[in-house]
C-alpha atoms as a PDB file:
ATOM      1  CA  MET A   1      -7.052  -1.061 -16.185  1.00  0.00           C
ATOM      2  CA  ARG A   2      -6.930   0.401 -12.714  1.00  0.00           C
ATOM      3  CA  THR A   3     -10.094   0.073 -10.682  1.00  0.00           C
ATOM      4  CA  PRO A   4     -11.427   3.459  -9.496  1.00  0.00           C
ATOM      5  CA  HIS A   5     -11.712   3.848  -5.750  1.00  0.00           C
ATOM      6  CA  ARG A   6     -15.201   3.950  -4.273  1.00  0.00           C
ATOM      7  CA  HIS A   7     -15.996   5.416  -0.873  1.00  0.00           C
ATOM      8  CA  LEU A   8     -17.593   3.515   1.985  1.00  0.00           C
ATOM      9  CA  PRO A   9     -21.248   4.534   2.375  1.00  0.00           C
ATOM     10  CA  TRP A  10     -22.077   6.738   5.342  1.00  0.00           C
ATOM     11  CA  SER A  11     -24.260   3.960   6.783  1.00  0.00           C
ATOM     12  CA  VAL A  12     -21.246   1.657   7.135  1.00  0.00           C
ATOM     13  CA  VAL A  13     -18.925   4.359   8.446  1.00  0.00           C
ATOM     14  CA  GLY A  14     -21.592   5.561  10.855  1.00  0.00           C
ATOM     15  CA  LEU A  15     -22.150   2.045  12.190  1.00  0.00           C
ATOM     16  CA  GLY A  16     -18.441   1.636  12.948  1.00  0.00           C
ATOM     17  CA  LEU A  17     -18.315   5.049  14.647  1.00  0.00           C
ATOM     18  CA  ALA A  18     -21.400   4.288  16.737  1.00  0.00           C
ATOM     19  CA  VAL A  19     -19.882   1.015  17.942  1.00  0.00           C
ATOM     20  CA  ALA A  20     -16.621   2.755  18.840  1.00  0.00           C
ATOM     21  CA  LEU A  21     -18.392   5.500  20.771  1.00  0.00           C
ATOM     22  CA  THR A  22     -20.594   3.095  22.679  1.00  0.00           C
ATOM     23  CA  ALA A  23     -17.671   0.850  23.589  1.00  0.00           C
ATOM     24  CA  SER A  24     -15.671   3.817  24.850  1.00  0.00           C
ATOM     25  CA  GLY A  25     -18.549   5.039  27.051  1.00  0.00           C
ATOM     26  CA  CYS A  26     -19.272   8.155  24.958  1.00  0.00           C
ATOM     27  CA  GLY A  27     -22.888   7.234  24.456  1.00  0.00           C
ATOM     28  CA  GLY A  28     -25.580   5.029  26.044  1.00  0.00           C
ATOM     29  CA  ALA A  29     -24.762   3.073  29.198  1.00  0.00           C
ATOM     30  CA  PRO A  30     -21.305   3.502  30.794  1.00  0.00           C
ATOM     31  CA  SER A  31     -18.657   0.986  29.749  1.00  0.00           C
ATOM     32  CA  ASP A  32     -18.821  -0.768  33.141  1.00  0.00           C
ATOM     33  CA  SER A  33     -22.615  -0.969  33.085  1.00  0.00           C
ATOM     34  CA  PRO A  34     -24.101  -4.477  33.162  1.00  0.00           C
ATOM     35  CA  GLY A  35     -26.835  -3.301  30.782  1.00  0.00           C
ATOM     36  CA  ALA A  36     -27.604  -5.128  27.558  1.00  0.00           C
ATOM     37  CA  GLY A  37     -26.455  -2.184  25.433  1.00  0.00           C
ATOM     38  CA  GLY A  38     -22.910  -2.355  26.819  1.00  0.00           C
ATOM     39  CA  ALA A  39     -22.762  -6.118  26.335  1.00  0.00           C
ATOM     40  CA  ALA A  40     -23.952  -5.850  22.738  1.00  0.00           C
ATOM     41  CA  ALA A  41     -21.414  -3.163  21.965  1.00  0.00           C
ATOM     42  CA  ALA A  42     -18.629  -5.234  23.475  1.00  0.00           C
ATOM     43  CA  GLU A  43     -19.691  -8.269  21.443  1.00  0.00           C
ATOM     44  CA  GLU A  44     -19.790  -6.237  18.228  1.00  0.00           C
ATOM     45  CA  GLN A  45     -16.401  -4.713  18.975  1.00  0.00           C
ATOM     46  CA  GLU A  46     -14.883  -8.175  19.521  1.00  0.00           C
ATOM     47  CA  ALA A  47     -16.263  -9.321  16.153  1.00  0.00           C
ATOM     48  CA  GLY A  48     -14.039  -6.815  14.408  1.00  0.00           C
ATOM     49  CA  PRO A  49     -13.877  -6.272  10.658  1.00  0.00           C
ATOM     50  CA  LEU A  50     -13.928  -8.890   7.924  1.00  0.00           C
ATOM     51  CA  ARG A  51     -10.254  -8.996   6.927  1.00  0.00           C
ATOM     52  CA  ILE A  52      -9.643  -9.774   3.268  1.00  0.00           C
ATOM     53  CA  SER A  53      -6.406 -10.304   1.368  1.00  0.00           C
ATOM     54  CA  ALA A  54      -4.886 -11.732  -1.819  1.00  0.00           C
ATOM     55  CA  ILE A  55      -1.592 -13.285  -2.807  1.00  0.00           C
ATOM     56  CA  PRO A  56       0.808 -10.543  -4.030  1.00  0.00           C
ATOM     57  CA  ASP A  57       1.075 -11.757  -7.613  1.00  0.00           C
ATOM     58  CA  MET A  58       0.962  -8.406  -9.416  1.00  0.00           C
ATOM     59  CA  ASP A  59       1.984  -4.755  -9.164  1.00  0.00           C
ATOM     60  CA  PRO A  60       1.390  -3.810  -5.494  1.00  0.00           C
ATOM     61  CA  SER A  61      -0.465  -0.573  -6.219  1.00  0.00           C
ATOM     62  CA  ASP A  62      -2.810  -2.276  -8.694  1.00  0.00           C
ATOM     63  CA  LEU A  63      -3.386  -5.113  -6.246  1.00  0.00           C
ATOM     64  CA  ALA A  64      -4.204  -2.733  -3.387  1.00  0.00           C
ATOM     65  CA  GLU A  65      -6.575  -0.733  -5.568  1.00  0.00           C
ATOM     66  CA  ARG A  66      -8.432  -3.866  -6.655  1.00  0.00           C
ATOM     67  CA  GLU A  67      -8.697  -5.355  -3.161  1.00  0.00           C
ATOM     68  CA  GLU A  68      -9.749  -2.059  -1.566  1.00  0.00           C
ATOM     69  CA  ALA A  69     -12.545  -1.852  -4.138  1.00  0.00           C
ATOM     70  CA  MET A  70     -13.561  -5.404  -3.246  1.00  0.00           C
ATOM     71  CA  ALA A  71     -13.589  -4.405   0.438  1.00  0.00           C
ATOM     72  CA  VAL A  72     -16.019  -1.586  -0.329  1.00  0.00           C
ATOM     73  CA  TYR A  73     -18.236  -3.879  -2.403  1.00  0.00           C
ATOM     74  CA  LEU A  74     -18.423  -6.506   0.356  1.00  0.00           C
ATOM     75  CA  ALA A  75     -19.068  -3.862   3.027  1.00  0.00           C
ATOM     76  CA  GLU A  76     -22.032  -2.597   1.037  1.00  0.00           C
ATOM     77  CA  GLU A  77     -23.386  -6.090   0.320  1.00  0.00           C
ATOM     78  CA  LEU A  78     -22.934  -7.536   3.810  1.00  0.00           C
ATOM     79  CA  GLY A  79     -23.366  -4.507   6.058  1.00  0.00           C
ATOM     80  CA  VAL A  80     -20.112  -5.098   7.954  1.00  0.00           C
ATOM     81  CA  GLU A  81     -16.792  -3.326   8.169  1.00  0.00           C
ATOM     82  CA  VAL A  82     -14.282  -4.830   5.704  1.00  0.00           C
ATOM     83  CA  GLU A  83     -10.528  -4.256   5.825  1.00  0.00           C
ATOM     84  CA  TYR A  84      -7.962  -5.099   3.136  1.00  0.00           C
ATOM     85  CA  VAL A  85      -4.785  -6.544   4.697  1.00  0.00           C
ATOM     86  CA  PRO A  86      -1.773  -6.626   2.326  1.00  0.00           C
ATOM     87  CA  VAL A  87       0.762  -9.437   2.745  1.00  0.00           C
ATOM     88  CA  SER A  88       4.473  -9.504   1.939  1.00  0.00           C
ATOM     89  CA  ASP A  89       4.560 -12.776   0.008  1.00  0.00           C
ATOM     90  CA  TYR A  90       2.627 -15.941  -0.802  1.00  0.00           C
ATOM     91  CA  ALA A  91       3.860 -17.848   2.259  1.00  0.00           C
ATOM     92  CA  ALA A  92       2.755 -15.022   4.553  1.00  0.00           C
ATOM     93  CA  SER A  93      -0.798 -15.206   3.201  1.00  0.00           C
ATOM     94  CA  VAL A  94      -0.978 -18.919   4.058  1.00  0.00           C
ATOM     95  CA  SER A  95       0.579 -18.370   7.488  1.00  0.00           C
ATOM     96  CA  LEU A  96      -1.682 -15.453   8.445  1.00  0.00           C
ATOM     97  CA  PHE A  97      -4.764 -17.337   7.291  1.00  0.00           C
ATOM     98  CA  GLY A  98      -3.710 -20.285   9.426  1.00  0.00           C
ATOM     99  CA  THR A  99      -3.298 -18.130  12.534  1.00  0.00           C
ATOM    100  CA  GLY A 100      -6.737 -16.582  12.081  1.00  0.00           C
ATOM    101  CA  ASP A 101      -5.479 -13.133  11.066  1.00  0.00           C
ATOM    102  CA  LEU A 102      -7.173 -13.241   7.637  1.00  0.00           C
ATOM    103  CA  ASP A 103     -10.812 -14.149   7.003  1.00  0.00           C
ATOM    104  CA  LEU A 104     -11.119 -14.197   3.210  1.00  0.00           C
ATOM    105  CA  VAL A 105      -8.203 -14.654   0.815  1.00  0.00           C
ATOM    106  CA  PHE A 106      -8.012 -14.719  -2.975  1.00  0.00           C
ATOM    107  CA  TYR A 107      -5.518 -17.539  -3.479  1.00  0.00           C
ATOM    108  CA  GLY A 108      -3.893 -19.233  -6.419  1.00  0.00           C
ATOM    109  CA  GLY A 109      -4.495 -22.950  -6.805  1.00  0.00           C
ATOM    110  CA  LEU A 110      -1.370 -24.058  -4.927  1.00  0.00           C
ATOM    111  CA  THR A 111      -1.580 -21.574  -2.064  1.00  0.00           C
ATOM    112  CA  GLY A 112      -5.284 -22.306  -1.721  1.00  0.00           C
ATOM    113  CA  VAL A 113      -4.551 -26.000  -1.278  1.00  0.00           C
ATOM    114  CA  GLN A 114      -1.754 -25.178   1.191  1.00  0.00           C
ATOM    115  CA  ALA A 115      -4.077 -22.908   3.194  1.00  0.00           C
ATOM    116  CA  ARG A 116      -6.847 -25.503   3.394  1.00  0.00           C
ATOM    117  CA  LEU A 117      -4.460 -28.269   4.430  1.00  0.00           C
ATOM    118  CA  ARG A 118      -3.073 -26.046   7.174  1.00  0.00           C
ATOM    119  CA  THR A 119      -6.426 -24.659   8.337  1.00  0.00           C
ATOM    120  CA  GLU A 120      -9.032 -27.287   9.152  1.00  0.00           C
ATOM    121  CA  GLY A 121     -12.529 -26.187   8.223  1.00  0.00           C
ATOM    122  CA  ALA A 122     -11.476 -23.573   5.647  1.00  0.00           C
ATOM    123  CA  THR A 123     -14.076 -23.278   2.887  1.00  0.00           C
ATOM    124  CA  VAL A 124     -13.676 -22.769  -0.863  1.00  0.00           C
ATOM    125  CA  LEU A 125     -16.240 -20.080  -1.715  1.00  0.00           C
ATOM    126  CA  ALA A 126     -15.986 -19.057  -5.363  1.00  0.00           C
ATOM    127  CA  GLN A 127     -13.751 -18.490  -8.373  1.00  0.00           C
ATOM    128  CA  ARG A 128     -13.635 -16.234 -11.409  1.00  0.00           C
ATOM    129  CA  ASP A 129     -15.092 -17.553 -14.646  1.00  0.00           C
ATOM    130  CA  ILE A 130     -11.559 -17.706 -16.102  1.00  0.00           C
ATOM    131  CA  ASP A 131     -10.165 -19.864 -13.284  1.00  0.00           C
ATOM    132  CA  GLU A 132     -11.707 -23.207 -14.168  1.00  0.00           C
ATOM    133  CA  ARG A 133      -9.720 -23.147 -17.433  1.00  0.00           C
ATOM    134  CA  PHE A 134      -6.604 -21.168 -16.577  1.00  0.00           C
ATOM    135  CA  ARG A 135      -3.298 -21.305 -18.449  1.00  0.00           C
ATOM    136  CA  SER A 136       0.336 -20.280 -18.133  1.00  0.00           C
ATOM    137  CA  VAL A 137       2.444 -18.575 -20.789  1.00  0.00           C
ATOM    138  CA  PHE A 138       6.107 -19.116 -21.575  1.00  0.00           C
ATOM    139  CA  ILE A 139       7.765 -15.981 -22.928  1.00  0.00           C
ATOM    140  CA  ALA A 140      11.257 -15.418 -24.344  1.00  0.00           C
ATOM    141  CA  HIS A 141      13.594 -12.573 -25.203  1.00  0.00           C
ATOM    142  CA  ARG A 142      13.915 -12.529 -28.984  1.00  0.00           C
ATOM    143  CA  ASP A 143      17.719 -12.499 -28.726  1.00  0.00           C
ATOM    144  CA  ALA A 144      17.520 -15.992 -27.225  1.00  0.00           C
ATOM    145  CA  GLY A 145      16.746 -17.281 -30.724  1.00  0.00           C
ATOM    146  CA  LEU A 146      13.842 -19.448 -29.602  1.00  0.00           C
ATOM    147  CA  GLU A 147      10.873 -20.178 -31.835  1.00  0.00           C
ATOM    148  CA  PRO A 148       7.264 -20.656 -30.656  1.00  0.00           C
ATOM    149  CA  VAL A 149       6.401 -24.308 -29.981  1.00  0.00           C
ATOM    150  CA  GLU A 150       3.152 -26.115 -30.654  1.00  0.00           C
ATOM    151  CA  ASP A 151       2.970 -28.592 -27.783  1.00  0.00           C
ATOM    152  CA  VAL A 152       4.382 -29.457 -24.365  1.00  0.00           C
ATOM    153  CA  ALA A 153       7.091 -31.644 -25.896  1.00  0.00           C
ATOM    154  CA  GLY A 154       8.443 -28.567 -27.670  1.00  0.00           C
ATOM    155  CA  LEU A 155       9.455 -27.069 -24.313  1.00  0.00           C
ATOM    156  CA  ALA A 156      12.523 -29.310 -24.533  1.00  0.00           C
ATOM    157  CA  GLU A 157      14.137 -26.450 -26.473  1.00  0.00           C
ATOM    158  CA  LEU A 158      14.354 -24.482 -23.219  1.00  0.00           C
ATOM    159  CA  THR A 159      17.262 -26.674 -22.085  1.00  0.00           C
ATOM    160  CA  ASP A 160      20.337 -24.542 -21.276  1.00  0.00           C
ATOM    161  CA  THR A 161      18.409 -21.266 -21.197  1.00  0.00           C
ATOM    162  CA  ARG A 162      18.456 -18.670 -18.412  1.00  0.00           C
ATOM    163  CA  PHE A 163      14.977 -19.098 -16.956  1.00  0.00           C
ATOM    164  CA  THR A 164      12.824 -17.433 -14.287  1.00  0.00           C
ATOM    165  CA  PHE A 165       9.644 -18.503 -12.590  1.00  0.00           C
ATOM    166  CA  GLY A 166       7.401 -16.081 -10.666  1.00  0.00           C
ATOM    167  CA  SER A 167       6.867 -16.667  -6.960  1.00  0.00           C
ATOM    168  CA  GLU A 168       8.099 -19.976  -5.548  1.00  0.00           C
ATOM    169  CA  SER A 169       4.511 -20.752  -4.456  1.00  0.00           C
ATOM    170  CA  SER A 170       2.777 -19.558  -7.624  1.00  0.00           C
ATOM    171  CA  THR A 171       0.504 -22.013  -9.426  1.00  0.00           C
ATOM    172  CA  SER A 172       0.668 -20.393 -12.840  1.00  0.00           C
ATOM    173  CA  GLY A 173       4.169 -18.970 -12.436  1.00  0.00           C
ATOM    174  CA  ARG A 174       5.938 -21.980 -10.909  1.00  0.00           C
ATOM    175  CA  LEU A 175       3.922 -25.156 -10.168  1.00  0.00           C
ATOM    176  CA  MET A 176       2.310 -25.743 -13.561  1.00  0.00           C
ATOM    177  CA  PRO A 177       5.286 -24.476 -15.626  1.00  0.00           C
ATOM    178  CA  SER A 178       7.488 -26.900 -13.649  1.00  0.00           C
ATOM    179  CA  TYR A 179       5.014 -29.688 -14.353  1.00  0.00           C
ATOM    180  CA  PHE A 180       4.932 -29.000 -18.090  1.00  0.00           C
ATOM    181  CA  LEU A 181       8.737 -28.698 -18.252  1.00  0.00           C
ATOM    182  CA  ASP A 182       8.961 -32.068 -16.526  1.00  0.00           C
ATOM    183  CA  GLN A 183       6.548 -33.507 -19.102  1.00  0.00           C
ATOM    184  CA  ALA A 184       8.950 -32.267 -21.792  1.00  0.00           C
ATOM    185  CA  GLY A 185      11.909 -33.924 -20.103  1.00  0.00           C
ATOM    186  CA  VAL A 186      13.396 -30.699 -18.711  1.00  0.00           C
ATOM    187  CA  ASP A 187      14.503 -30.689 -15.077  1.00  0.00           C
ATOM    188  CA  PRO A 188      14.628 -27.043 -13.921  1.00  0.00           C
ATOM    189  CA  ALA A 189      17.176 -27.938 -11.246  1.00  0.00           C
ATOM    190  CA  ALA A 190      19.617 -29.581 -13.677  1.00  0.00           C
ATOM    191  CA  ASP A 191      18.888 -28.765 -17.312  1.00  0.00           C
ATOM    192  CA  LEU A 192      18.827 -24.952 -17.402  1.00  0.00           C
ATOM    193  CA  ASP A 193      21.699 -22.493 -17.640  1.00  0.00           C
ATOM    194  CA  GLY A 194      22.185 -22.154 -13.881  1.00  0.00           C
ATOM    195  CA  GLU A 195      19.537 -22.236 -11.172  1.00  0.00           C
ATOM    196  CA  PRO A 196      16.139 -20.860 -12.202  1.00  0.00           C
ATOM    197  CA  GLY A 197      15.188 -17.444 -10.871  1.00  0.00           C
ATOM    198  CA  PHE A 198      12.102 -16.523  -8.872  1.00  0.00           C
ATOM    199  CA  SER A 199      10.919 -13.042  -9.762  1.00  0.00           C
ATOM    200  CA  GLY A 200       8.235 -12.867  -7.066  1.00  0.00           C
ATOM    201  CA  SER A 201       5.390 -11.753  -9.364  1.00  0.00           C
ATOM    202  CA  HIS A 202       4.080 -12.135 -12.896  1.00  0.00           C
ATOM    203  CA  ASP A 203       4.714  -8.489 -13.748  1.00  0.00           C
ATOM    204  CA  LEU A 204       8.349  -8.771 -12.686  1.00  0.00           C
ATOM    205  CA  THR A 205       8.787 -11.927 -14.761  1.00  0.00           C
ATOM    206  CA  ILE A 206       7.869  -9.944 -17.861  1.00  0.00           C
ATOM    207  CA  ASP A 207      10.173  -7.096 -16.887  1.00  0.00           C
ATOM    208  CA  LEU A 208      13.146  -9.392 -16.212  1.00  0.00           C
ATOM    209  CA  VAL A 209      12.794 -11.186 -19.545  1.00  0.00           C
ATOM    210  CA  GLU A 210      12.317  -7.894 -21.371  1.00  0.00           C
ATOM    211  CA  SER A 211      15.464  -6.474 -19.772  1.00  0.00           C
ATOM    212  CA  GLY A 212      17.503  -9.524 -20.778  1.00  0.00           C
ATOM    213  CA  SER A 213      18.209 -10.586 -17.202  1.00  0.00           C
ATOM    214  CA  TYR A 214      16.648 -13.914 -18.171  1.00  0.00           C
ATOM    215  CA  GLU A 215      16.077 -15.400 -21.600  1.00  0.00           C
ATOM    216  CA  VAL A 216      12.819 -17.165 -20.747  1.00  0.00           C
ATOM    217  CA  GLY A 217      10.097 -16.865 -18.122  1.00  0.00           C
ATOM    218  CA  ALA A 218       6.719 -18.327 -17.216  1.00  0.00           C
ATOM    219  CA  LEU A 219       3.694 -16.422 -15.919  1.00  0.00           C
ATOM    220  CA  ASN A 220      -0.076 -16.439 -15.924  1.00  0.00           C
ATOM    221  CA  GLU A 221      -2.019 -15.821 -19.088  1.00  0.00           C
ATOM    222  CA  GLN A 222      -4.190 -13.080 -17.584  1.00  0.00           C
ATOM    223  CA  VAL A 223      -1.282 -10.798 -16.646  1.00  0.00           C
ATOM    224  CA  TRP A 224       0.435 -11.401 -19.993  1.00  0.00           C
ATOM    225  CA  ARG A 225      -2.737 -10.555 -21.945  1.00  0.00           C
ATOM    226  CA  SER A 226      -3.447  -7.517 -19.771  1.00  0.00           C
ATOM    227  CA  ARG A 227       0.066  -6.125 -20.169  1.00  0.00           C
ATOM    228  CA  THR A 228       0.262  -6.702 -23.919  1.00  0.00           C
ATOM    229  CA  GLU A 229      -3.187  -5.197 -24.509  1.00  0.00           C
ATOM    230  CA  ALA A 230      -2.211  -2.169 -22.415  1.00  0.00           C
ATOM    231  CA  GLY A 231       0.951  -1.733 -24.467  1.00  0.00           C
ATOM    232  CA  THR A 232       3.282  -2.048 -21.475  1.00  0.00           C
ATOM    233  CA  VAL A 233       5.317  -4.893 -23.004  1.00  0.00           C
ATOM    234  CA  ASP A 234       7.825  -4.342 -25.801  1.00  0.00           C
ATOM    235  CA  THR A 235       6.707  -7.155 -28.083  1.00  0.00           C
ATOM    236  CA  GLU A 236       9.573  -6.334 -30.417  1.00  0.00           C
ATOM    237  CA  THR A 237      11.815  -7.600 -27.605  1.00  0.00           C
ATOM    238  CA  VAL A 238       9.674 -10.255 -25.870  1.00  0.00           C
ATOM    239  CA  GLN A 239       7.520 -12.897 -27.531  1.00  0.00           C
ATOM    240  CA  GLU A 240       5.086 -15.569 -26.397  1.00  0.00           C
ATOM    241  CA  ILE A 241       6.460 -18.997 -27.271  1.00  0.00           C
ATOM    242  CA  PHE A 242       3.925 -21.356 -25.669  1.00  0.00           C
ATOM    243  CA  MET A 243       0.494 -21.355 -24.044  1.00  0.00           C
ATOM    244  CA  THR A 244      -0.023 -24.329 -21.747  1.00  0.00           C
ATOM    245  CA  PRO A 245      -3.003 -26.682 -21.508  1.00  0.00           C
ATOM    246  CA  GLU A 246      -5.751 -25.639 -19.081  1.00  0.00           C
ATOM    247  CA  TYR A 247      -5.976 -26.237 -15.319  1.00  0.00           C
ATOM    248  CA  ALA A 248      -7.961 -24.869 -12.348  1.00  0.00           C
ATOM    249  CA  ASP A 249      -6.351 -21.975 -10.505  1.00  0.00           C
ATOM    250  CA  TYR A 250      -7.410 -18.942  -8.410  1.00  0.00           C
ATOM    251  CA  HIS A 251     -10.267 -19.041  -5.891  1.00  0.00           C
ATOM    252  CA  TRP A 252     -11.538 -17.393  -2.694  1.00  0.00           C
ATOM    253  CA  ILE A 253     -11.253 -19.246   0.610  1.00  0.00           C
ATOM    254  CA  GLY A 254     -13.091 -18.347   3.825  1.00  0.00           C
ATOM    255  CA  SER A 255     -11.788 -18.878   7.353  1.00  0.00           C
ATOM    256  CA  PRO A 256     -13.531 -21.446   9.576  1.00  0.00           C
ATOM    257  CA  ALA A 257     -13.878 -18.734  12.244  1.00  0.00           C
ATOM    258  CA  VAL A 258     -15.989 -16.359  10.138  1.00  0.00           C
ATOM    259  CA  ASP A 259     -19.384 -17.622  11.334  1.00  0.00           C
ATOM    260  CA  GLU A 260     -18.267 -17.446  14.958  1.00  0.00           C
ATOM    261  CA  GLN A 261     -16.971 -13.901  14.543  1.00  0.00           C
ATOM    262  CA  LEU A 262     -19.705 -12.434  12.385  1.00  0.00           C
ATOM    263  CA  GLY A 263     -22.730 -14.642  12.994  1.00  0.00           C
ATOM    264  CA  ASP A 264     -24.131 -18.013  11.999  1.00  0.00           C
ATOM    265  CA  GLY A 265     -24.631 -18.241   8.244  1.00  0.00           C
ATOM    266  CA  PHE A 266     -22.160 -15.466   7.441  1.00  0.00           C
ATOM    267  CA  THR A 267     -19.978 -17.783   5.336  1.00  0.00           C
ATOM    268  CA  ALA A 268     -22.974 -18.571   3.127  1.00  0.00           C
ATOM    269  CA  ASP A 269     -23.791 -14.858   2.866  1.00  0.00           C
ATOM    270  CA  LEU A 270     -20.170 -14.126   1.941  1.00  0.00           C
ATOM    271  CA  ARG A 271     -20.223 -16.742  -0.800  1.00  0.00           C
ATOM    272  CA  GLN A 272     -23.449 -15.310  -2.172  1.00  0.00           C
ATOM    273  CA  ALA A 273     -22.054 -11.763  -2.126  1.00  0.00           C
ATOM    274  CA  LEU A 274     -19.122 -12.925  -4.268  1.00  0.00           C
ATOM    275  CA  LEU A 275     -21.438 -14.745  -6.686  1.00  0.00           C
ATOM    276  CA  ASP A 276     -23.696 -11.664  -6.889  1.00  0.00           C
ATOM    277  CA  LEU A 277     -20.815  -9.600  -8.289  1.00  0.00           C
ATOM    278  CA  ASP A 278     -22.185  -9.591 -11.824  1.00  0.00           C
ATOM    279  CA  GLY A 279     -21.220  -6.237 -13.325  1.00  0.00           C
ATOM    280  CA  SER A 280     -24.760  -4.913 -13.160  1.00  0.00           C
ATOM    281  CA  ASP A 281     -23.549  -1.373 -12.412  1.00  0.00           C
ATOM    282  CA  PRO A 282     -20.412   0.554 -13.483  1.00  0.00           C
ATOM    283  CA  GLU A 283     -18.596  -0.018 -10.176  1.00  0.00           C
ATOM    284  CA  GLU A 284     -19.173  -3.774 -10.274  1.00  0.00           C
ATOM    285  CA  ALA A 285     -18.185  -3.925 -13.932  1.00  0.00           C
ATOM    286  CA  ALA A 286     -14.927  -2.113 -13.142  1.00  0.00           C
ATOM    287  CA  LEU A 287     -14.224  -4.468 -10.237  1.00  0.00           C
ATOM    288  CA  LEU A 288     -14.758  -7.551 -12.387  1.00  0.00           C
ATOM    289  CA  GLU A 289     -12.491  -6.042 -15.044  1.00  0.00           C
ATOM    290  CA  ALA A 290      -9.789  -5.493 -12.426  1.00  0.00           C
ATOM    291  CA  TYR A 291      -9.978  -9.232 -11.688  1.00  0.00           C
ATOM    292  CA  GLY A 292      -9.818 -10.004 -15.413  1.00  0.00           C
ATOM    293  CA  ALA A 293     -13.226 -11.673 -15.237  1.00  0.00           C
ATOM    294  CA  GLU A 294     -16.756 -11.344 -16.538  1.00  0.00           C
ATOM    295  CA  ALA A 295     -18.402 -13.233 -13.681  1.00  0.00           C
ATOM    296  CA  ILE A 296     -17.777 -14.971 -10.355  1.00  0.00           C
ATOM    297  CA  ILE A 297     -18.854 -18.620 -10.339  1.00  0.00           C
ATOM    298  CA  PRO A 298     -19.096 -21.458  -7.782  1.00  0.00           C
ATOM    299  CA  SER A 299     -16.039 -23.493  -6.834  1.00  0.00           C
ATOM    300  CA  GLU A 300     -15.273 -26.368  -4.477  1.00  0.00           C
ATOM    301  CA  ALA A 301     -12.238 -28.107  -3.049  1.00  0.00           C
ATOM    302  CA  SER A 302     -12.407 -30.989  -5.539  1.00  0.00           C
ATOM    303  CA  ASP A 303     -11.673 -28.542  -8.373  1.00  0.00           C
ATOM    304  CA  HIS A 304      -8.076 -28.390  -7.147  1.00  0.00           C
ATOM    305  CA  GLU A 305      -7.318 -32.070  -6.539  1.00  0.00           C
ATOM    306  CA  ARG A 306      -5.028 -32.119  -9.579  1.00  0.00           C
ATOM    307  CA  ILE A 307      -3.106 -29.113  -8.212  1.00  0.00           C
ATOM    308  CA  GLU A 308      -2.623 -30.926  -4.902  1.00  0.00           C
ATOM    309  CA  GLU A 309      -1.435 -34.075  -6.666  1.00  0.00           C
ATOM    310  CA  ILE A 310       1.117 -32.171  -8.769  1.00  0.00           C
ATOM    311  CA  GLY A 311       2.219 -30.152  -5.744  1.00  0.00           C
ATOM    312  CA  ARG A 312       2.947 -33.330  -3.819  1.00  0.00           C
ATOM    313  CA  THR A 313       4.790 -34.869  -6.765  1.00  0.00           C
ATOM    314  CA  LEU A 314       7.030 -31.808  -7.090  1.00  0.00           C
ATOM    315  CA  GLY A 315       7.575 -31.563  -3.340  1.00  0.00           C
ATOM    316  CA  LEU A 316       5.729 -28.245  -2.951  1.00  0.00           C
ATOM    317  CA  ILE A 317       3.077 -29.806  -0.701  1.00  0.00           C
ATOM    318  CA  ARG A 318       4.063 -32.164   2.099  1.00  0.00           C
END
């Protein structure tokens, strides 16, 4: 379901306009005045907006709609300007976070670990209720002649198939599927029919398997369920063949510079604003639905120790 756009309240828009006018000398003391008003305006201008982002793991228009709605929610809760910054790929989100160009990012398990290892002082803030027990799905084109399997060992039947992952840095679309294939004795680099593909997103994984470009693919459970429930997957052509065991996945991470930019204690306020997203009004309920969740719950770095361990074993974290 697409999240309906909400408009920034006039109080937030007006605050940003007032700061801009003051800084440009259109109101109050002149811009070169040593007065306190000019200094305060300059300080507020330097603080800038809270810049939020998310890994591009789904249809870009749906992702932008969801994150823009989150920006509006946070602006209302925190009383600051919030800007959604789209990124081109998973690696870019980690890089931009590391250079201080992003303040709050909704990461997958692997990219979250990568971002924290690269950015000293980054803080895990929260996760969706579904993320502490997340799962991946293996799907197959029915013409591949594969039958659903009951356990990880059954994934051995994927030997010699044409297979695609999602993004190379995806937890649910690459890291954990690779791990479970390895547990079944399947080496993606040697035991498939050619090199595995990397679709770039969960939605595209479904589309590529449905089209027959690949016989099998792996993606996250949430996108698979959402697409099948919406009727945008031809289940006469594509079938689910395995649902993996559970693992911890997506979470929000805050930049170590947030308190310096927006005031002492802002990180704690940001965490609380995420946890307060409880669906208590129609807009919040729609936003939670867009995230595939019923609630936002606490999370901490230790939740993703297993992801880091697997990432190091597979050479995806160094």
